[in-house]
């Protein structure tokens, strides 16, 4: 027999679902879910987060590229794009699609998650 859970409000249901979903997600996704629950306005939160993610991913791509003594043109050629596209990724103006991010991660022998993690300088 199925048990149907009832909630006092949509907000309670949203919190419940986000907490349930968070058990199966990475810390990166948990941050997204937490922000949606706390802010309530998914559209504004997602815009702010997208800007932050673009910056984080771009900084990580730049760091990996420089550590491997590659130019933007070299990485762009490897990806089948121009140096301008790589520059846009690194500046945070654009975010690579999932397949491109995966190819970049494989190229530099890192996990895809590592491209999306914020690294704090000490």
PDB file of N, CA and C in Angstrom:
ATOM      1  N   UNK A   1       0.836  -1.186   0.000  1.00  0.00           N
ATOM      2  CA  UNK A   1       0.000   0.000   0.000  1.00  0.00           C
ATOM      3  C   UNK A   1       0.882   1.251   0.000  1.00  0.00           C
ATOM      4  N   UNK A   2       0.564   2.190  -0.873  1.00  0.00           N
ATOM      5  CA  UNK A   2       1.295   3.448  -0.947  1.00  0.00           C
ATOM      6  C   UNK A   2       0.793   4.415   0.108  1.00  0.00           C
ATOM      7  N   UNK A   3       1.739   5.123   0.703  1.00  0.00           N
ATOM      8  CA  UNK A   3       1.381   6.153   1.674  1.00  0.00           C
ATOM      9  C   UNK A   3       1.622   7.509   1.034  1.00  0.00           C
ATOM     10  N   UNK A   4       0.620   8.311   0.986  1.00  0.00           N
ATOM     11  CA  UNK A   4       0.740   9.642   0.405  1.00  0.00           C
ATOM     12  C   UNK A   4       1.091  10.626   1.510  1.00  0.00           C
ATOM     13  N   UNK A   5       2.167  11.379   1.276  1.00  0.00           N
ATOM     14  CA  UNK A   5       2.599  12.377   2.251  1.00  0.00           C
ATOM     15  C   UNK A   5       1.882  13.689   1.944  1.00  0.00           C
ATOM     16  N   UNK A   6       1.386  14.330   2.966  1.00  0.00           N
ATOM     17  CA  UNK A   6       0.721  15.615   2.778  1.00  0.00           C
ATOM     18  C   UNK A   6       1.554  16.715   3.432  1.00  0.00           C
ATOM     19  N   UNK A   7       1.458  17.909   2.871  1.00  0.00           N
ATOM     20  CA  UNK A   7       2.240  19.036   3.358  1.00  0.00           C
ATOM     21  C   UNK A   7       1.320  20.215   3.632  1.00  0.00           C
ATOM     22  N   UNK A   8       1.722  21.023   4.587  1.00  0.00           N
ATOM     23  CA  UNK A   8       0.937  22.201   4.939  1.00  0.00           C
ATOM     24  C   UNK A   8       1.017  23.275   3.858  1.00  0.00           C
ATOM     25  N   UNK A   9       2.123  23.305   3.132  1.00  0.00           N
ATOM     26  CA  UNK A   9       2.286  24.327   2.094  1.00  0.00           C
ATOM     27  C   UNK A   9       3.182  23.802   0.977  1.00  0.00           C
ATOM     28  N   UNK A  10       3.200  24.548  -0.137  1.00  0.00           N
ATOM     29  CA  UNK A  10       4.103  24.203  -1.238  1.00  0.00           C
ATOM     30  C   UNK A  10       5.553  24.302  -0.788  1.00  0.00           C
ATOM     31  N   UNK A  11       5.815  25.276   0.076  1.00  0.00           N
ATOM     32  CA  UNK A  11       7.176  25.466   0.571  1.00  0.00           C
ATOM     33  C   UNK A  11       7.648  24.234   1.345  1.00  0.00           C
ATOM     34  N   UNK A  12       6.766  23.678   2.175  1.00  0.00           N
ATOM     35  CA  UNK A  12       7.117  22.467   2.928  1.00  0.00           C
ATOM     36  C   UNK A  12       7.402  21.308   1.976  1.00  0.00           C
ATOM     37  N   UNK A  13       6.603  21.189   0.930  1.00  0.00           N
ATOM     38  CA  UNK A  13       6.798  20.121  -0.049  1.00  0.00           C
ATOM     39  C   UNK A  13       8.126  20.307  -0.774  1.00  0.00           C
ATOM     40  N   UNK A  14       8.439  21.550  -1.126  1.00  0.00           N
ATOM     41  CA  UNK A  14       9.690  21.837  -1.826  1.00  0.00           C
ATOM     42  C   UNK A  14      10.893  21.476  -0.945  1.00  0.00           C
ATOM     43  N   UNK A  15      10.840  21.846   0.322  1.00  0.00           N
ATOM     44  CA  UNK A  15      11.921  21.525   1.255  1.00  0.00           C
ATOM     45  C   UNK A  15      12.078  20.012   1.373  1.00  0.00           C
ATOM     46  N   UNK A  16      10.961  19.301   1.514  1.00  0.00           N
ATOM     47  CA  UNK A  16      10.998  17.845   1.633  1.00  0.00           C
ATOM     48  C   UNK A  16      11.646  17.211   0.401  1.00  0.00           C
ATOM     49  N   UNK A  17      11.206  17.615  -0.782  1.00  0.00           N
ATOM     50  CA  UNK A  17      11.745  17.041  -2.018  1.00  0.00           C
ATOM     51  C   UNK A  17      13.227  17.371  -2.198  1.00  0.00           C
ATOM     52  N   UNK A  18      13.607  18.595  -1.902  1.00  0.00           N
ATOM     53  CA  UNK A  18      15.007  18.976  -2.032  1.00  0.00           C
ATOM     54  C   UNK A  18      15.881  18.181  -1.072  1.00  0.00           C
ATOM     55  N   UNK A  19      15.407  17.982   0.149  1.00  0.00           N
ATOM     56  CA  UNK A  19      16.171  17.197   1.114  1.00  0.00           C
ATOM     57  C   UNK A  19      16.281  15.736   0.676  1.00  0.00           C
ATOM     58  N   UNK A  20      15.205  15.180   0.137  1.00  0.00           N
ATOM     59  CA  UNK A  20      15.224  13.795  -0.364  1.00  0.00           C
ATOM     60  C   UNK A  20      16.201  13.670  -1.526  1.00  0.00           C
ATOM     61  N   UNK A  21      16.115  14.607  -2.466  1.00  0.00           N
ATOM     62  CA  UNK A  21      16.967  14.578  -3.648  1.00  0.00           C
ATOM     63  C   UNK A  21      18.427  14.796  -3.270  1.00  0.00           C
ATOM     64  N   UNK A  22      18.678  15.624  -2.261  1.00  0.00           N
ATOM     65  CA  UNK A  22      20.045  15.961  -1.861  1.00  0.00           C
ATOM     66  C   UNK A  22      20.833  14.739  -1.407  1.00  0.00           C
ATOM     67  N   UNK A  23      20.155  13.705  -0.938  1.00  0.00           N
ATOM     68  CA  UNK A  23      20.852  12.498  -0.501  1.00  0.00           C
ATOM     69  C   UNK A  23      21.607  11.837  -1.642  1.00  0.00           C
ATOM     70  N   UNK A  24      21.161  12.054  -2.870  1.00  0.00           N
ATOM     71  CA  UNK A  24      21.728  11.367  -4.023  1.00  0.00           C
ATOM     72  C   UNK A  24      22.569  12.268  -4.913  1.00  0.00           C
ATOM     73  N   UNK A  25      22.891  13.459  -4.430  1.00  0.00           N
ATOM     74  CA  UNK A  25      23.586  14.405  -5.301  1.00  0.00           C
ATOM     75  C   UNK A  25      24.935  14.800  -4.730  1.00  0.00           C
ATOM     76  N   UNK A  26      25.706  15.435  -5.565  1.00  0.00           N
ATOM     77  CA  UNK A  26      27.026  15.923  -5.183  1.00  0.00           C
ATOM     78  C   UNK A  26      26.877  17.187  -4.335  1.00  0.00           C
ATOM     79  N   UNK A  27      27.958  17.606  -3.672  1.00  0.00           N
ATOM     80  CA  UNK A  27      27.910  18.866  -2.919  1.00  0.00           C
ATOM     81  C   UNK A  27      27.519  20.051  -3.802  1.00  0.00           C
ATOM     82  N   UNK A  28      27.927  20.007  -5.057  1.00  0.00           N
ATOM     83  CA  UNK A  28      27.607  21.067  -6.011  1.00  0.00           C
ATOM     84  C   UNK A  28      26.091  21.196  -6.178  1.00  0.00           C
ATOM     85  N   UNK A  29      25.406  20.071  -6.380  1.00  0.00           N
ATOM     86  CA  UNK A  29      23.956  20.089  -6.544  1.00  0.00           C
ATOM     87  C   UNK A  29      23.256  20.426  -5.230  1.00  0.00           C
ATOM     88  N   UNK A  30      23.821  20.007  -4.110  1.00  0.00           N
ATOM     89  CA  UNK A  30      23.227  20.344  -2.813  1.00  0.00           C
ATOM     90  C   UNK A  30      23.187  21.854  -2.617  1.00  0.00           C
ATOM     91  N   UNK A  31      24.228  22.534  -3.089  1.00  0.00           N
ATOM     92  CA  UNK A  31      24.262  23.990  -2.990  1.00  0.00           C
ATOM     93  C   UNK A  31      23.126  24.604  -3.806  1.00  0.00           C
ATOM     94  N   UNK A  32      22.876  24.071  -4.982  1.00  0.00           N
ATOM     95  CA  UNK A  32      21.787  24.564  -5.816  1.00  0.00           C
ATOM     96  C   UNK A  32      20.456  24.381  -5.103  1.00  0.00           C
ATOM     97  N   UNK A  33      20.220  23.180  -4.608  1.00  0.00           N
ATOM     98  CA  UNK A  33      18.950  22.872  -3.950  1.00  0.00           C
ATOM     99  C   UNK A  33      18.744  23.740  -2.719  1.00  0.00           C
ATOM    100  N   UNK A  34      19.792  23.919  -1.935  1.00  0.00           N
ATOM    101  CA  UNK A  34      19.703  24.748  -0.735  1.00  0.00           C
ATOM    102  C   UNK A  34      19.331  26.185  -1.108  1.00  0.00           C
ATOM    103  N   UNK A  35      19.954  26.707  -2.149  1.00  0.00           N
ATOM    104  CA  UNK A  35      19.662  28.070  -2.582  1.00  0.00           C
ATOM    105  C   UNK A  35      18.237  28.237  -3.063  1.00  0.00           C
ATOM    106  N   UNK A  36      17.724  27.242  -3.765  1.00  0.00           N
ATOM    107  CA  UNK A  36      16.349  27.319  -4.254  1.00  0.00           C
ATOM    108  C   UNK A  36      15.374  27.332  -3.087  1.00  0.00           C
ATOM    109  N   UNK A  37      15.621  26.477  -2.099  1.00  0.00           N
ATOM    110  CA  UNK A  37      14.735  26.415  -0.935  1.00  0.00           C
ATOM    111  C   UNK A  37      14.809  27.717  -0.143  1.00  0.00           C
ATOM    112  N   UNK A  38      16.025  28.213   0.094  1.00  0.00           N
ATOM    113  CA  UNK A  38      16.181  29.407   0.913  1.00  0.00           C
ATOM    114  C   UNK A  38      15.667  30.664   0.211  1.00  0.00           C
ATOM    115  N   UNK A  39      15.897  30.773  -1.073  1.00  0.00           N
ATOM    116  CA  UNK A  39      15.530  31.990  -1.789  1.00  0.00           C
ATOM    117  C   UNK A  39      14.101  31.995  -2.303  1.00  0.00           C
ATOM    118  N   UNK A  40      13.585  30.820  -2.586  1.00  0.00           N
ATOM    119  CA  UNK A  40      12.221  30.749  -3.080  1.00  0.00           C
ATOM    120  C   UNK A  40      12.063  31.194  -4.524  1.00  0.00           C
ATOM    121  N   UNK A  41      12.867  32.110  -4.987  1.00  0.00           N
ATOM    122  CA  UNK A  41      12.799  32.608  -6.364  1.00  0.00           C
ATOM    123  C   UNK A  41      13.850  31.892  -7.192  1.00  0.00           C
ATOM    124  N   UNK A  42      13.464  30.800  -7.781  1.00  0.00           N
ATOM    125  CA  UNK A  42      14.397  29.981  -8.541  1.00  0.00           C
ATOM    126  C   UNK A  42      15.051  30.764  -9.674  1.00  0.00           C
ATOM    127  N   UNK A  43      14.282  31.615 -10.350  1.00  0.00           N
ATOM    128  CA  UNK A  43      14.829  32.331 -11.505  1.00  0.00           C
ATOM    129  C   UNK A  43      15.982  33.251 -11.117  1.00  0.00           C
ATOM    130  N   UNK A  44      15.826  34.023 -10.043  1.00  0.00           N
ATOM    131  CA  UNK A  44      16.893  34.919  -9.611  1.00  0.00           C
ATOM    132  C   UNK A  44      18.083  34.140  -9.078  1.00  0.00           C
ATOM    133  N   UNK A  45      17.790  33.113  -8.302  1.00  0.00           N
ATOM    134  CA  UNK A  45      18.871  32.307  -7.743  1.00  0.00           C
ATOM    135  C   UNK A  45      19.691  31.662  -8.859  1.00  0.00           C
ATOM    136  N   UNK A  46      19.021  31.106  -9.853  1.00  0.00           N
ATOM    137  CA  UNK A  46      19.722  30.421 -10.930  1.00  0.00           C
ATOM    138  C   UNK A  46      20.570  31.400 -11.740  1.00  0.00           C
ATOM    139  N   UNK A  47      20.098  32.618 -11.945  1.00  0.00           N
ATOM    140  CA  UNK A  47      20.887  33.616 -12.675  1.00  0.00           C
ATOM    141  C   UNK A  47      22.160  33.950 -11.904  1.00  0.00           C
ATOM    142  N   UNK A  48      22.021  34.169 -10.604  1.00  0.00           N
ATOM    143  CA  UNK A  48      23.188  34.462  -9.769  1.00  0.00           C
ATOM    144  C   UNK A  48      24.154  33.278  -9.766  1.00  0.00           C
ATOM    145  N   UNK A  49      23.625  32.078  -9.615  1.00  0.00           N
ATOM    146  CA  UNK A  49      24.457  30.876  -9.584  1.00  0.00           C
ATOM    147  C   UNK A  49      25.148  30.650 -10.916  1.00  0.00           C
ATOM    148  N   UNK A  50      24.449  30.899 -12.014  1.00  0.00           N
ATOM    149  CA  UNK A  50      25.046  30.702 -13.329  1.00  0.00           C
ATOM    150  C   UNK A  50      26.262  31.604 -13.487  1.00  0.00           C
ATOM    151  N   UNK A  51      26.158  32.848 -13.075  1.00  0.00           N
ATOM    152  CA  UNK A  51      27.302  33.757 -13.142  1.00  0.00           C
ATOM    153  C   UNK A  51      28.463  33.239 -12.307  1.00  0.00           C
ATOM    154  N   UNK A  52      28.163  32.729 -11.119  1.00  0.00           N
ATOM    155  CA  UNK A  52      29.199  32.190 -10.242  1.00  0.00           C
ATOM    156  C   UNK A  52      29.827  30.936 -10.858  1.00  0.00           C
ATOM    157  N   UNK A  53      29.002  30.033 -11.387  1.00  0.00           N
ATOM    158  CA  UNK A  53      29.528  28.800 -11.990  1.00  0.00           C
ATOM    159  C   UNK A  53      30.393  29.108 -13.192  1.00  0.00           C
ATOM    160  N   UNK A  54      29.952  30.045 -14.031  1.00  0.00           N
ATOM    161  CA  UNK A  54      30.748  30.423 -15.192  1.00  0.00           C
ATOM    162  C   UNK A  54      32.139  30.870 -14.754  1.00  0.00           C
ATOM    163  N   UNK A  55      32.177  31.670 -13.703  1.00  0.00           N
ATOM    164  CA  UNK A  55      33.452  32.188 -13.195  1.00  0.00           C
ATOM    165  C   UNK A  55      34.313  31.050 -12.656  1.00  0.00           C
ATOM    166  N   UNK A  56      33.723  30.170 -11.858  1.00  0.00           N
ATOM    167  CA  UNK A  56      34.472  29.055 -11.256  1.00  0.00           C
ATOM    168  C   UNK A  56      35.021  28.126 -12.331  1.00  0.00           C
ATOM    169  N   UNK A  57      34.155  27.709 -13.251  1.00  0.00           N
ATOM    170  CA  UNK A  57      34.580  26.798 -14.322  1.00  0.00           C
ATOM    171  C   UNK A  57      35.647  27.468 -15.181  1.00  0.00           C
ATOM    172  N   UNK A  58      35.450  28.725 -15.513  1.00  0.00           N
ATOM    173  CA  UNK A  58      36.426  29.454 -16.320  1.00  0.00           C
ATOM    174  C   UNK A  58      37.786  29.543 -15.652  1.00  0.00           C
ATOM    175  N   UNK A  59      37.796  29.843 -14.359  1.00  0.00           N
ATOM    176  CA  UNK A  59      39.064  29.919 -13.627  1.00  0.00           C
ATOM    177  C   UNK A  59      39.757  28.556 -13.602  1.00  0.00           C
ATOM    178  N   UNK A  60      38.980  27.497 -13.437  1.00  0.00           N
ATOM    179  CA  UNK A  60      39.559  26.154 -13.411  1.00  0.00           C
ATOM    180  C   UNK A  60      40.130  25.758 -14.771  1.00  0.00           C
ATOM    181  N   UNK A  61      39.434  26.101 -15.846  1.00  0.00           N
ATOM    182  CA  UNK A  61      39.945  25.804 -17.183  1.00  0.00           C
ATOM    183  C   UNK A  61      41.252  26.568 -17.418  1.00  0.00           C
ATOM    184  N   UNK A  62      41.263  27.850 -17.072  1.00  0.00           N
ATOM    185  CA  UNK A  62      42.468  28.663 -17.247  1.00  0.00           C
ATOM    186  C   UNK A  62      43.640  28.083 -16.453  1.00  0.00           C
ATOM    187  N   UNK A  63      43.377  27.721 -15.201  1.00  0.00           N
ATOM    188  CA  UNK A  63      44.427  27.163 -14.343  1.00  0.00           C
ATOM    189  C   UNK A  63      44.996  25.877 -14.942  1.00  0.00           C
ATOM    190  N   UNK A  64      44.120  24.978 -15.379  1.00  0.00           N
ATOM    191  CA  UNK A  64      44.574  23.717 -15.967  1.00  0.00           C
ATOM    192  C   UNK A  64      45.344  23.958 -17.263  1.00  0.00           C
ATOM    193  N   UNK A  65      44.846  24.864 -18.083  1.00  0.00           N
ATOM    194  CA  UNK A  65      45.510  25.171 -19.354  1.00  0.00           C
ATOM    195  C   UNK A  65      46.904  25.718 -19.112  1.00  0.00           C
ATOM    196  N   UNK A  66      47.027  26.657 -18.176  1.00  0.00           N
ATOM    197  CA  UNK A  66      48.324  27.256 -17.893  1.00  0.00           C
ATOM    198  C   UNK A  66      49.284  26.257 -17.256  1.00  0.00           C
ATOM    199  N   UNK A  67      48.770  25.401 -16.374  1.00  0.00           N
ATOM    200  CA  UNK A  67      49.611  24.371 -15.753  1.00  0.00           C
ATOM    201  C   UNK A  67      50.180  23.407 -16.794  1.00  0.00           C
ATOM    202  N   UNK A  68      49.464  23.246 -17.899  1.00  0.00           N
ATOM    203  CA  UNK A  68      49.891  22.349 -18.969  1.00  0.00           C
ATOM    204  C   UNK A  68      50.570  23.095 -20.121  1.00  0.00           C
ATOM    205  N   UNK A  69      50.935  24.344 -19.868  1.00  0.00           N
ATOM    206  CA  UNK A  69      51.664  25.165 -20.841  1.00  0.00           C
ATOM    207  C   UNK A  69      50.998  25.192 -22.218  1.00  0.00           C
ATOM    208  N   UNK A  70      49.690  25.366 -22.208  1.00  0.00           N
ATOM    209  CA  UNK A  70      48.939  25.477 -23.458  1.00  0.00           C
ATOM    210  C   UNK A  70      48.410  26.889 -23.612  1.00  0.00           C
ATOM    211  N   UNK A  71      48.269  27.314 -24.835  1.00  0.00           N
ATOM    212  CA  UNK A  71      47.641  28.603 -25.120  1.00  0.00           C
ATOM    213  C   UNK A  71      46.145  28.370 -25.326  1.00  0.00           C
ATOM    214  N   UNK A  72      45.397  29.458 -25.318  1.00  0.00           N
ATOM    215  CA  UNK A  72      43.970  29.346 -25.617  1.00  0.00           C
ATOM    216  C   UNK A  72      43.763  28.790 -27.018  1.00  0.00           C
ATOM    217  N   UNK A  73      44.632  29.176 -27.932  1.00  0.00           N
ATOM    218  CA  UNK A  73      44.523  28.683 -29.310  1.00  0.00           C
ATOM    219  C   UNK A  73      44.758  27.172 -29.371  1.00  0.00           C
ATOM    220  N   UNK A  74      45.708  26.680 -28.588  1.00  0.00           N
ATOM    221  CA  UNK A  74      45.994  25.243 -28.586  1.00  0.00           C
ATOM    222  C   UNK A  74      44.806  24.448 -28.042  1.00  0.00           C
ATOM    223  N   UNK A  75      44.246  24.912 -26.925  1.00  0.00           N
ATOM    224  CA  UNK A  75      43.082  24.218 -26.366  1.00  0.00           C
ATOM    225  C   UNK A  75      41.901  24.322 -27.318  1.00  0.00           C
ATOM    226  N   UNK A  76      41.706  25.496 -27.895  1.00  0.00           N
ATOM    227  CA  UNK A  76      40.615  25.678 -28.851  1.00  0.00           C
ATOM    228  C   UNK A  76      40.741  24.742 -30.040  1.00  0.00           C
ATOM    229  N   UNK A  77      41.940  24.592 -30.554  1.00  0.00           N
ATOM    230  CA  UNK A  77      42.164  23.692 -31.691  1.00  0.00           C
ATOM    231  C   UNK A  77      41.851  22.248 -31.300  1.00  0.00           C
ATOM    232  N   UNK A  78      42.276  21.860 -30.095  1.00  0.00           N
ATOM    233  CA  UNK A  78      41.990  20.507 -29.613  1.00  0.00           C
ATOM    234  C   UNK A  78      40.477  20.256 -29.533  1.00  0.00           C
ATOM    235  N   UNK A  79      39.747  21.279 -29.097  1.00  0.00           N
ATOM    236  CA  UNK A  79      38.292  21.155 -28.929  1.00  0.00           C
ATOM    237  C   UNK A  79      37.533  21.336 -30.248  1.00  0.00           C
ATOM    238  N   UNK A  80      38.216  21.878 -31.238  1.00  0.00           N
ATOM    239  CA  UNK A  80      37.546  22.170 -32.501  1.00  0.00           C
ATOM    240  C   UNK A  80      36.881  23.531 -32.492  1.00  0.00           C
ATOM    241  N   UNK A  81      37.336  24.406 -31.592  1.00  0.00           N
ATOM    242  CA  UNK A  81      36.821  25.765 -31.491  1.00  0.00           C
ATOM    243  C   UNK A  81      37.968  26.741 -31.661  1.00  0.00           C
ATOM    244  N   UNK A  82      37.643  28.010 -31.695  1.00  0.00           N
ATOM    245  CA  UNK A  82      38.667  29.039 -31.778  1.00  0.00           C
ATOM    246  C   UNK A  82      39.141  29.460 -30.396  1.00  0.00           C
ATOM    247  N   UNK A  83      40.230  30.210 -30.386  1.00  0.00           N
ATOM    248  CA  UNK A  83      40.776  30.731 -29.132  1.00  0.00           C
ATOM    249  C   UNK A  83      39.770  31.651 -28.436  1.00  0.00           C
ATOM    250  N   UNK A  84      38.943  32.326 -29.214  1.00  0.00           N
ATOM    251  CA  UNK A  84      37.941  33.234 -28.637  1.00  0.00           C
ATOM    252  C   UNK A  84      36.944  32.480 -27.768  1.00  0.00           C
ATOM    253  N   UNK A  85      36.553  31.296 -28.195  1.00  0.00           N
ATOM    254  CA  UNK A  85      35.618  30.489 -27.401  1.00  0.00           C
ATOM    255  C   UNK A  85      36.253  30.127 -26.069  1.00  0.00           C
ATOM    256  N   UNK A  86      37.514  29.702 -26.101  1.00  0.00           N
ATOM    257  CA  UNK A  86      38.221  29.363 -24.858  1.00  0.00           C
ATOM    258  C   UNK A  86      38.342  30.599 -23.982  1.00  0.00           C
ATOM    259  N   UNK A  87      38.646  31.741 -24.579  1.00  0.00           N
ATOM    260  CA  UNK A  87      38.736  32.999 -23.821  1.00  0.00           C
ATOM    261  C   UNK A  87      37.392  33.318 -23.161  1.00  0.00           C
ATOM    262  N   UNK A  88      36.300  33.073 -23.881  1.00  0.00           N
ATOM    263  CA  UNK A  88      34.969  33.313 -23.315  1.00  0.00           C
ATOM    264  C   UNK A  88      34.687  32.374 -22.144  1.00  0.00           C
ATOM    265  N   UNK A  89      35.120  31.118 -22.232  1.00  0.00           N
ATOM    266  CA  UNK A  89      34.969  30.190 -21.108  1.00  0.00           C
ATOM    267  C   UNK A  89      35.755  30.705 -19.905  1.00  0.00           C
ATOM    268  N   UNK A  90      37.009  31.059 -20.137  1.00  0.00           N
ATOM    269  CA  UNK A  90      37.894  31.462 -19.045  1.00  0.00           C
ATOM    270  C   UNK A  90      37.466  32.770 -18.392  1.00  0.00           C
ATOM    271  N   UNK A  91      36.859  33.650 -19.144  1.00  0.00           N
ATOM    272  CA  UNK A  91      36.414  34.935 -18.585  1.00  0.00           C
ATOM    273  C   UNK A  91      35.080  34.806 -17.852  1.00  0.00           C
ATOM    274  N   UNK A  92      34.406  33.662 -18.039  1.00  0.00           N
ATOM    275  CA  UNK A  92      33.099  33.472 -17.422  1.00  0.00           C
ATOM    276  C   UNK A  92      31.963  33.988 -18.272  1.00  0.00           C
ATOM    277  N   UNK A  93      32.279  34.470 -19.472  1.00  0.00           N
ATOM    278  CA  UNK A  93      31.243  34.978 -20.365  1.00  0.00           C
ATOM    279  C   UNK A  93      30.352  33.853 -20.887  1.00  0.00           C
ATOM    280  N   UNK A  94      30.964  32.694 -21.105  1.00  0.00           N
ATOM    281  CA  UNK A  94      30.219  31.511 -21.562  1.00  0.00           C
ATOM    282  C   UNK A  94      30.616  30.316 -20.718  1.00  0.00           C
ATOM    283  N   UNK A  95      29.740  29.346 -20.684  1.00  0.00           N
ATOM    284  CA  UNK A  95      29.996  28.093 -19.984  1.00  0.00           C
ATOM    285  C   UNK A  95      30.022  26.984 -21.030  1.00  0.00           C
ATOM    286  N   UNK A  96      31.055  26.119 -21.003  1.00  0.00           N
ATOM    287  CA  UNK A  96      31.067  25.035 -21.996  1.00  0.00           C
ATOM    288  C   UNK A  96      29.891  24.094 -21.776  1.00  0.00           C
ATOM    289  N   UNK A  97      29.377  23.527 -22.873  1.00  0.00           N
ATOM    290  CA  UNK A  97      28.319  22.543 -22.714  1.00  0.00           C
ATOM    291  C   UNK A  97      28.905  21.300 -22.039  1.00  0.00           C
ATOM    292  N   UNK A  98      28.044  20.397 -21.653  1.00  0.00           N
ATOM    293  CA  UNK A  98      28.468  19.227 -20.879  1.00  0.00           C
ATOM    294  C   UNK A  98      29.502  18.383 -21.612  1.00  0.00           C
ATOM    295  N   UNK A  99      29.294  18.150 -22.891  1.00  0.00           N
ATOM    296  CA  UNK A  99      30.243  17.329 -23.661  1.00  0.00           C
ATOM    297  C   UNK A  99      31.601  18.020 -23.749  1.00  0.00           C
ATOM    298  N   UNK A 100      31.603  19.307 -24.016  1.00  0.00           N
ATOM    299  CA  UNK A 100      32.863  20.046 -24.104  1.00  0.00           C
ATOM    300  C   UNK A 100      33.572  20.059 -22.755  1.00  0.00           C
ATOM    301  N   UNK A 101      32.827  20.268 -21.674  1.00  0.00           N
ATOM    302  CA  UNK A 101      33.425  20.243 -20.333  1.00  0.00           C
ATOM    303  C   UNK A 101      34.043  18.870 -20.050  1.00  0.00           C
ATOM    304  N   UNK A 102      33.363  17.809 -20.472  1.00  0.00           N
ATOM    305  CA  UNK A 102      33.872  16.455 -20.279  1.00  0.00           C
ATOM    306  C   UNK A 102      35.169  16.254 -21.064  1.00  0.00           C
ATOM    307  N   UNK A 103      35.200  16.731 -22.296  1.00  0.00           N
ATOM    308  CA  UNK A 103      36.409  16.605 -23.132  1.00  0.00           C
ATOM    309  C   UNK A 103      37.565  17.387 -22.508  1.00  0.00           C
ATOM    310  N   UNK A 104      37.290  18.573 -21.996  1.00  0.00           N
ATOM    311  CA  UNK A 104      38.331  19.369 -21.331  1.00  0.00           C
ATOM    312  C   UNK A 104      38.860  18.624 -20.110  1.00  0.00           C
ATOM    313  N   UNK A 105      37.960  18.083 -19.298  1.00  0.00           N
ATOM    314  CA  UNK A 105      38.369  17.343 -18.100  1.00  0.00           C
ATOM    315  C   UNK A 105      39.242  16.144 -18.480  1.00  0.00           C
ATOM    316  N   UNK A 106      38.819  15.387 -19.471  1.00  0.00           N
ATOM    317  CA  UNK A 106      39.599  14.224 -19.916  1.00  0.00           C
ATOM    318  C   UNK A 106      40.961  14.659 -20.462  1.00  0.00           C
ATOM    319  N   UNK A 107      40.976  15.749 -21.207  1.00  0.00           N
ATOM    320  CA  UNK A 107      42.219  16.261 -21.791  1.00  0.00           C
ATOM    321  C   UNK A 107      43.247  16.563 -20.697  1.00  0.00           C
ATOM    322  N   UNK A 108      42.786  17.092 -19.575  1.00  0.00           N
ATOM    323  CA  UNK A 108      43.691  17.458 -18.481  1.00  0.00           C
ATOM    324  C   UNK A 108      43.746  16.397 -17.376  1.00  0.00           C
ATOM    325  N   UNK A 109      43.134  15.250 -17.626  1.00  0.00           N
ATOM    326  CA  UNK A 109      43.170  14.108 -16.697  1.00  0.00           C
ATOM    327  C   UNK A 109      42.623  14.460 -15.314  1.00  0.00           C
ATOM    328  N   UNK A 110      41.481  15.144 -15.311  1.00  0.00           N
ATOM    329  CA  UNK A 110      40.782  15.451 -14.063  1.00  0.00           C
ATOM    330  C   UNK A 110      39.336  14.977 -14.191  1.00  0.00           C
ATOM    331  N   UNK A 111      38.672  14.850 -13.066  1.00  0.00           N
ATOM    332  CA  UNK A 111      37.254  14.508 -13.075  1.00  0.00           C
ATOM    333  C   UNK A 111      36.442  15.731 -13.473  1.00  0.00           C
ATOM    334  N   UNK A 112      35.305  15.493 -14.079  1.00  0.00           N
ATOM    335  CA  UNK A 112      34.421  16.591 -14.469  1.00  0.00           C
ATOM    336  C   UNK A 112      34.052  17.436 -13.252  1.00  0.00           C
ATOM    337  N   UNK A 113      33.832  16.796 -12.114  1.00  0.00           N
ATOM    338  CA  UNK A 113      33.509  17.533 -10.884  1.00  0.00           C
ATOM    339  C   UNK A 113      34.585  18.560 -10.541  1.00  0.00           C
ATOM    340  N   UNK A 114      35.838  18.238 -10.842  1.00  0.00           N
ATOM    341  CA  UNK A 114      36.930  19.142 -10.500  1.00  0.00           C
ATOM    342  C   UNK A 114      36.870  20.442 -11.304  1.00  0.00           C
ATOM    343  N   UNK A 115      36.274  20.394 -12.480  1.00  0.00           N
ATOM    344  CA  UNK A 115      36.097  21.629 -13.248  1.00  0.00           C
ATOM    345  C   UNK A 115      35.072  22.535 -12.592  1.00  0.00           C
ATOM    346  N   UNK A 116      34.163  21.961 -11.818  1.00  0.00           N
ATOM    347  CA  UNK A 116      33.073  22.742 -11.236  1.00  0.00           C
ATOM    348  C   UNK A 116      33.290  23.096  -9.777  1.00  0.00           C
ATOM    349  N   UNK A 117      34.384  22.653  -9.198  1.00  0.00           N
ATOM    350  CA  UNK A 117      34.624  22.928  -7.780  1.00  0.00           C
ATOM    351  C   UNK A 117      35.331  24.255  -7.596  1.00  0.00           C
ATOM    352  N   UNK A 118      34.896  24.973  -6.586  1.00  0.00           N
ATOM    353  CA  UNK A 118      35.536  26.236  -6.259  1.00  0.00           C
ATOM    354  C   UNK A 118      36.768  25.929  -5.432  1.00  0.00           C
ATOM    355  N   UNK A 119      37.902  26.465  -5.851  1.00  0.00           N
ATOM    356  CA  UNK A 119      39.153  26.261  -5.139  1.00  0.00           C
ATOM    357  C   UNK A 119      39.516  27.558  -4.433  1.00  0.00           C
ATOM    358  N   UNK A 120      39.758  27.447  -3.133  1.00  0.00           N
ATOM    359  CA  UNK A 120      40.108  28.631  -2.353  1.00  0.00           C
ATOM    360  C   UNK A 120      41.619  28.718  -2.243  1.00  0.00           C
ATOM    361  N   UNK A 121      42.144  29.878  -2.577  1.00  0.00           N
ATOM    362  CA  UNK A 121      43.577  30.105  -2.464  1.00  0.00           C
ATOM    363  C   UNK A 121      43.913  30.298  -0.994  1.00  0.00           C
ATOM    364  N   UNK A 122      45.020  29.694  -0.561  1.00  0.00           N
ATOM    365  CA  UNK A 122      45.408  29.854   0.848  1.00  0.00           C
ATOM    366  C   UNK A 122      46.611  30.725   1.004  1.00  0.00           C
TER     367      UNK A 122
END
